[in-house]
Amino acid sequence: MQKLYVLYDPKCELCVRLKNWLLVQRQWLPLALVPAASARAQQLFPELSQIATPEDLVVITDDGHVYLNNHAWIMALYALIDYRDWAYRLAHPLLLPLARQAFDTLSKNRHAISRWISAGSPSRIAEELRGVTLEPCSLPEGVVSDYLR
């Protein structure tokens, strides 16, 4: 593995900011950031629509391995010098299900979050965030106690 392709939504303000953040990080593995619905993405990965939806975060290695959603985010972090340790931590069996929850929550709300960010006004963003209902965090019965033994 010599390179990772990260497919992002260029219409999403948050995705563009994340893309820009990835580009300025020190990298162990070069990242090629490709707009997900672009002609270039279709040319590089013509069969991608068979395994991923537009809502999926996708990372593809230069040797053809495909990572979706939380695994994709972990792979993007793995490519970065300053965040490789975080990739290992999030890949832990106790944290991996929570990383998926975090990604699902973000991805389901990315268009709303994008609007909030583009609004720019802290008061407008605060108003929007006050309307967000948070679900309680929970782990399967016994997971924490099994891990702490």
C-alpha atoms as a PDB file:
ATOM      1  CA  MET A   1       0.000   0.000   0.000  1.00  0.00           C
ATOM      2  CA  GLN A   2       1.542   3.252  -1.192  1.00  0.00           C
ATOM      3  CA  LYS A   3      -1.429   5.624  -1.502  1.00  0.00           C
ATOM      4  CA  LEU A   4      -4.988   6.135  -0.272  1.00  0.00           C
ATOM      5  CA  TYR A   5      -7.878   7.638  -2.211  1.00  0.00           C
ATOM      6  CA  VAL A   6     -10.414   9.472  -0.058  1.00  0.00           C
ATOM      7  CA  LEU A   7     -13.757  10.105  -1.762  1.00  0.00           C
ATOM      8  CA  TYR A   8     -15.575  13.132  -0.350  1.00  0.00           C
ATOM      9  CA  ASP A   9     -18.739  15.100  -1.093  1.00  0.00           C
ATOM     10  CA  PRO A  10     -17.678  18.448  -2.680  1.00  0.00           C
ATOM     11  CA  LYS A  11     -21.170  19.921  -2.059  1.00  0.00           C
ATOM     12  CA  CYS A  12     -20.824  19.461   1.693  1.00  0.00           C
ATOM     13  CA  GLU A  13     -19.087  22.322   3.512  1.00  0.00           C
ATOM     14  CA  LEU A  14     -18.004  19.973   6.306  1.00  0.00           C
ATOM     15  CA  CYS A  15     -16.576  17.418   3.856  1.00  0.00           C
ATOM     16  CA  VAL A  16     -14.622  20.154   2.078  1.00  0.00           C
ATOM     17  CA  ARG A  17     -13.228  21.376   5.408  1.00  0.00           C
ATOM     18  CA  LEU A  18     -12.222  17.827   6.333  1.00  0.00           C
ATOM     19  CA  LYS A  19     -10.610  17.415   2.917  1.00  0.00           C
ATOM     20  CA  ASN A  20      -8.658  20.627   3.433  1.00  0.00           C
ATOM     21  CA  TRP A  21      -7.643  19.497   6.919  1.00  0.00           C
ATOM     22  CA  LEU A  22      -6.357  16.168   5.555  1.00  0.00           C
ATOM     23  CA  LEU A  23      -4.330  17.965   2.893  1.00  0.00           C
ATOM     24  CA  VAL A  24      -2.332  19.993   5.430  1.00  0.00           C
ATOM     25  CA  GLN A  25      -1.546  17.093   7.750  1.00  0.00           C
ATOM     26  CA  ARG A  26       1.814  15.360   7.668  1.00  0.00           C
ATOM     27  CA  GLN A  27       1.282  12.030   5.896  1.00  0.00           C
ATOM     28  CA  TRP A  28       2.893   8.612   6.120  1.00  0.00           C
ATOM     29  CA  LEU A  29       0.892   7.598   3.077  1.00  0.00           C
ATOM     30  CA  PRO A  30      -0.038  10.096   0.367  1.00  0.00           C
ATOM     31  CA  LEU A  31      -3.743  10.902   0.213  1.00  0.00           C
ATOM     32  CA  ALA A  32      -5.510  11.595  -3.069  1.00  0.00           C
ATOM     33  CA  LEU A  33      -8.746  13.425  -2.345  1.00  0.00           C
ATOM     34  CA  VAL A  34     -11.328  12.866  -5.064  1.00  0.00           C
ATOM     35  CA  PRO A  35     -14.844  14.310  -5.273  1.00  0.00           C
ATOM     36  CA  ALA A  36     -17.110  11.267  -4.889  1.00  0.00           C
ATOM     37  CA  ALA A  37     -19.482  11.946  -7.789  1.00  0.00           C
ATOM     38  CA  SER A  38     -16.848  13.257 -10.187  1.00  0.00           C
ATOM     39  CA  ALA A  39     -15.848  11.898 -13.561  1.00  0.00           C
ATOM     40  CA  ARG A  40     -12.421  11.168 -12.072  1.00  0.00           C
ATOM     41  CA  ALA A  41     -13.967   9.017  -9.310  1.00  0.00           C
ATOM     42  CA  GLN A  42     -16.046   7.147 -11.895  1.00  0.00           C
ATOM     43  CA  GLN A  43     -12.978   6.644 -14.089  1.00  0.00           C
ATOM     44  CA  LEU A  44     -10.792   5.445 -11.199  1.00  0.00           C
ATOM     45  CA  PHE A  45     -13.463   3.288  -9.527  1.00  0.00           C
ATOM     46  CA  PRO A  46     -16.176   2.369 -12.063  1.00  0.00           C
ATOM     47  CA  GLU A  47     -17.675  -0.395  -9.870  1.00  0.00           C
ATOM     48  CA  LEU A  48     -17.785   1.597  -6.639  1.00  0.00           C
ATOM     49  CA  SER A  49     -21.554   2.189  -6.837  1.00  0.00           C
ATOM     50  CA  GLN A  50     -22.037  -1.567  -6.424  1.00  0.00           C
ATOM     51  CA  ILE A  51     -20.557  -1.525  -2.911  1.00  0.00           C
ATOM     52  CA  ALA A  52     -21.001   2.048  -1.617  1.00  0.00           C
ATOM     53  CA  THR A  53     -23.752   4.634  -1.523  1.00  0.00           C
ATOM     54  CA  PRO A  54     -23.260   8.403  -1.817  1.00  0.00           C
ATOM     55  CA  GLU A  55     -23.739   8.611   1.972  1.00  0.00           C
ATOM     56  CA  ASP A  56     -20.762   6.320   2.649  1.00  0.00           C
ATOM     57  CA  LEU A  57     -17.347   7.662   3.488  1.00  0.00           C
ATOM     58  CA  VAL A  58     -14.941   5.719   1.266  1.00  0.00           C
ATOM     59  CA  VAL A  59     -11.182   5.146   1.338  1.00  0.00           C
ATOM     60  CA  ILE A  60      -9.602   2.969  -1.338  1.00  0.00           C
ATOM     61  CA  THR A  61      -5.995   1.780  -1.303  1.00  0.00           C
ATOM     62  CA  ASP A  62      -3.884   1.766  -4.429  1.00  0.00           C
ATOM     63  CA  ASP A  63      -3.929  -2.039  -4.270  1.00  0.00           C
ATOM     64  CA  GLY A  64      -7.749  -2.144  -4.360  1.00  0.00           C
ATOM     65  CA  HIS A  65      -8.889  -2.544  -0.750  1.00  0.00           C
ATOM     66  CA  VAL A  66     -12.058  -0.584   0.016  1.00  0.00           C
ATOM     67  CA  TYR A  67     -12.897   0.804   3.446  1.00  0.00           C
ATOM     68  CA  LEU A  68     -16.317   2.223   4.214  1.00  0.00           C
ATOM     69  CA  ASN A  69     -17.584   4.563   6.917  1.00  0.00           C
ATOM     70  CA  ASN A  70     -15.829   4.164  10.284  1.00  0.00           C
ATOM     71  CA  HIS A  71     -13.149   1.916   8.772  1.00  0.00           C
ATOM     72  CA  ALA A  72     -12.539   4.572   6.104  1.00  0.00           C
ATOM     73  CA  TRP A  73     -12.071   7.302   8.687  1.00  0.00           C
ATOM     74  CA  ILE A  74      -9.686   5.075  10.638  1.00  0.00           C
ATOM     75  CA  MET A  75      -7.685   4.443   7.448  1.00  0.00           C
ATOM     76  CA  ALA A  76      -7.484   8.182   6.706  1.00  0.00           C
ATOM     77  CA  LEU A  77      -6.176   8.767  10.242  1.00  0.00           C
ATOM     78  CA  TYR A  78      -3.761   5.845   9.813  1.00  0.00           C
ATOM     79  CA  ALA A  79      -2.185   7.654   6.844  1.00  0.00           C
ATOM     80  CA  LEU A  80      -1.362  10.697   8.996  1.00  0.00           C
ATOM     81  CA  ILE A  81       1.811  10.986  11.061  1.00  0.00           C
ATOM     82  CA  ASP A  82       0.194  12.786  13.987  1.00  0.00           C
ATOM     83  CA  TYR A  83      -2.967  10.669  14.070  1.00  0.00           C
ATOM     84  CA  ARG A  84      -1.838   7.089  13.457  1.00  0.00           C
ATOM     85  CA  ASP A  85      -2.084   6.367  17.188  1.00  0.00           C
ATOM     86  CA  TRP A  86      -5.703   7.536  17.113  1.00  0.00           C
ATOM     87  CA  ALA A  87      -6.393   5.125  14.257  1.00  0.00           C
ATOM     88  CA  TYR A  88      -5.096   2.250  16.368  1.00  0.00           C
ATOM     89  CA  ARG A  89      -7.174   3.394  19.361  1.00  0.00           C
ATOM     90  CA  LEU A  90     -10.394   3.744  17.371  1.00  0.00           C
ATOM     91  CA  ALA A  91      -9.858   0.317  15.819  1.00  0.00           C
ATOM     92  CA  HIS A  92     -10.043  -1.265  19.304  1.00  0.00           C
ATOM     93  CA  PRO A  93     -13.089  -3.553  19.564  1.00  0.00           C
ATOM     94  CA  LEU A  94     -14.541  -1.474  22.406  1.00  0.00           C
ATOM     95  CA  LEU A  95     -14.244   1.809  20.483  1.00  0.00           C
ATOM     96  CA  LEU A  96     -14.980   0.651  16.950  1.00  0.00           C
ATOM     97  CA  PRO A  97     -18.750   0.416  17.529  1.00  0.00           C
ATOM     98  CA  LEU A  98     -18.693   3.903  19.041  1.00  0.00           C
ATOM     99  CA  ALA A  99     -16.683   5.275  16.113  1.00  0.00           C
ATOM    100  CA  ARG A 100     -19.420   3.959  13.843  1.00  0.00           C
ATOM    101  CA  GLN A 101     -22.077   5.705  15.959  1.00  0.00           C
ATOM    102  CA  ALA A 102     -20.131   8.944  15.794  1.00  0.00           C
ATOM    103  CA  PHE A 103     -19.677   8.683  12.048  1.00  0.00           C
ATOM    104  CA  ASP A 104     -23.316   7.735  11.449  1.00  0.00           C
ATOM    105  CA  THR A 105     -24.524  10.692  13.495  1.00  0.00           C
ATOM    106  CA  LEU A 106     -22.229  13.068  11.641  1.00  0.00           C
ATOM    107  CA  SER A 107     -22.941  11.682   8.183  1.00  0.00           C
ATOM    108  CA  LYS A 108     -26.709  11.735   8.671  1.00  0.00           C
ATOM    109  CA  ASN A 109     -26.542  15.373   9.684  1.00  0.00           C
ATOM    110  CA  ARG A 110     -23.696  16.549   7.452  1.00  0.00           C
ATOM    111  CA  HIS A 111     -25.886  18.715   5.208  1.00  0.00           C
ATOM    112  CA  ALA A 112     -27.435  20.492   8.198  1.00  0.00           C
ATOM    113  CA  ILE A 113     -24.002  20.859   9.803  1.00  0.00           C
ATOM    114  CA  SER A 114     -22.696  22.186   6.491  1.00  0.00           C
ATOM    115  CA  ARG A 115     -25.409  24.870   6.487  1.00  0.00           C
ATOM    116  CA  TRP A 116     -24.540  25.810  10.071  1.00  0.00           C
ATOM    117  CA  ILE A 117     -20.846  26.150   9.255  1.00  0.00           C
ATOM    118  CA  SER A 118     -21.487  28.188   6.118  1.00  0.00           C
ATOM    119  CA  ALA A 119     -23.797  30.500   8.113  1.00  0.00           C
ATOM    120  CA  GLY A 120     -20.643  31.549   9.946  1.00  0.00           C
ATOM    121  CA  SER A 121     -22.422  33.385  12.750  1.00  0.00           C
ATOM    122  CA  PRO A 122     -21.733  31.809  16.166  1.00  0.00           C
ATOM    123  CA  SER A 123     -25.192  32.861  17.362  1.00  0.00           C
ATOM    124  CA  ARG A 124     -26.840  31.182  14.347  1.00  0.00           C
ATOM    125  CA  ILE A 125     -24.803  28.001  14.893  1.00  0.00           C
ATOM    126  CA  ALA A 126     -25.649  28.047  18.629  1.00  0.00           C
ATOM    127  CA  GLU A 127     -29.342  28.434  17.789  1.00  0.00           C
ATOM    128  CA  GLU A 128     -29.192  25.408  15.488  1.00  0.00           C
ATOM    129  CA  LEU A 129     -27.247  23.309  18.003  1.00  0.00           C
ATOM    130  CA  ARG A 130     -29.745  24.077  20.782  1.00  0.00           C
ATOM    131  CA  GLY A 131     -32.361  22.327  18.638  1.00  0.00           C
ATOM    132  CA  VAL A 132     -30.369  19.076  18.395  1.00  0.00           C
ATOM    133  CA  THR A 133     -31.707  16.236  20.521  1.00  0.00           C
ATOM    134  CA  LEU A 134     -28.982  13.945  21.783  1.00  0.00           C
ATOM    135  CA  GLU A 135     -29.564  10.234  22.203  1.00  0.00           C
ATOM    136  CA  PRO A 136     -28.047   8.724  25.358  1.00  0.00           C
ATOM    137  CA  CYS A 137     -24.818   6.814  24.875  1.00  0.00           C
ATOM    138  CA  SER A 138     -25.000   3.143  25.711  1.00  0.00           C
ATOM    139  CA  LEU A 139     -22.832   0.084  25.480  1.00  0.00           C
ATOM    140  CA  PRO A 140     -23.992  -3.520  25.286  1.00  0.00           C
ATOM    141  CA  GLU A 141     -24.478  -5.109  28.710  1.00  0.00           C
ATOM    142  CA  GLY A 142     -21.166  -6.245  30.211  1.00  0.00           C
ATOM    143  CA  VAL A 143     -18.867  -4.622  27.628  1.00  0.00           C
ATOM    144  CA  VAL A 144     -17.294  -2.136  30.031  1.00  0.00           C
ATOM    145  CA  SER A 145     -16.939  -4.608  32.893  1.00  0.00           C
ATOM    146  CA  ASP A 146     -15.420  -7.243  30.542  1.00  0.00           C
ATOM    147  CA  TYR A 147     -12.940  -4.704  29.217  1.00  0.00           C
ATOM    148  CA  LEU A 148     -11.879  -3.462  32.664  1.00  0.00           C
ATOM    149  CA  ARG A 149     -11.125  -6.928  34.071  1.00  0.00           C
END
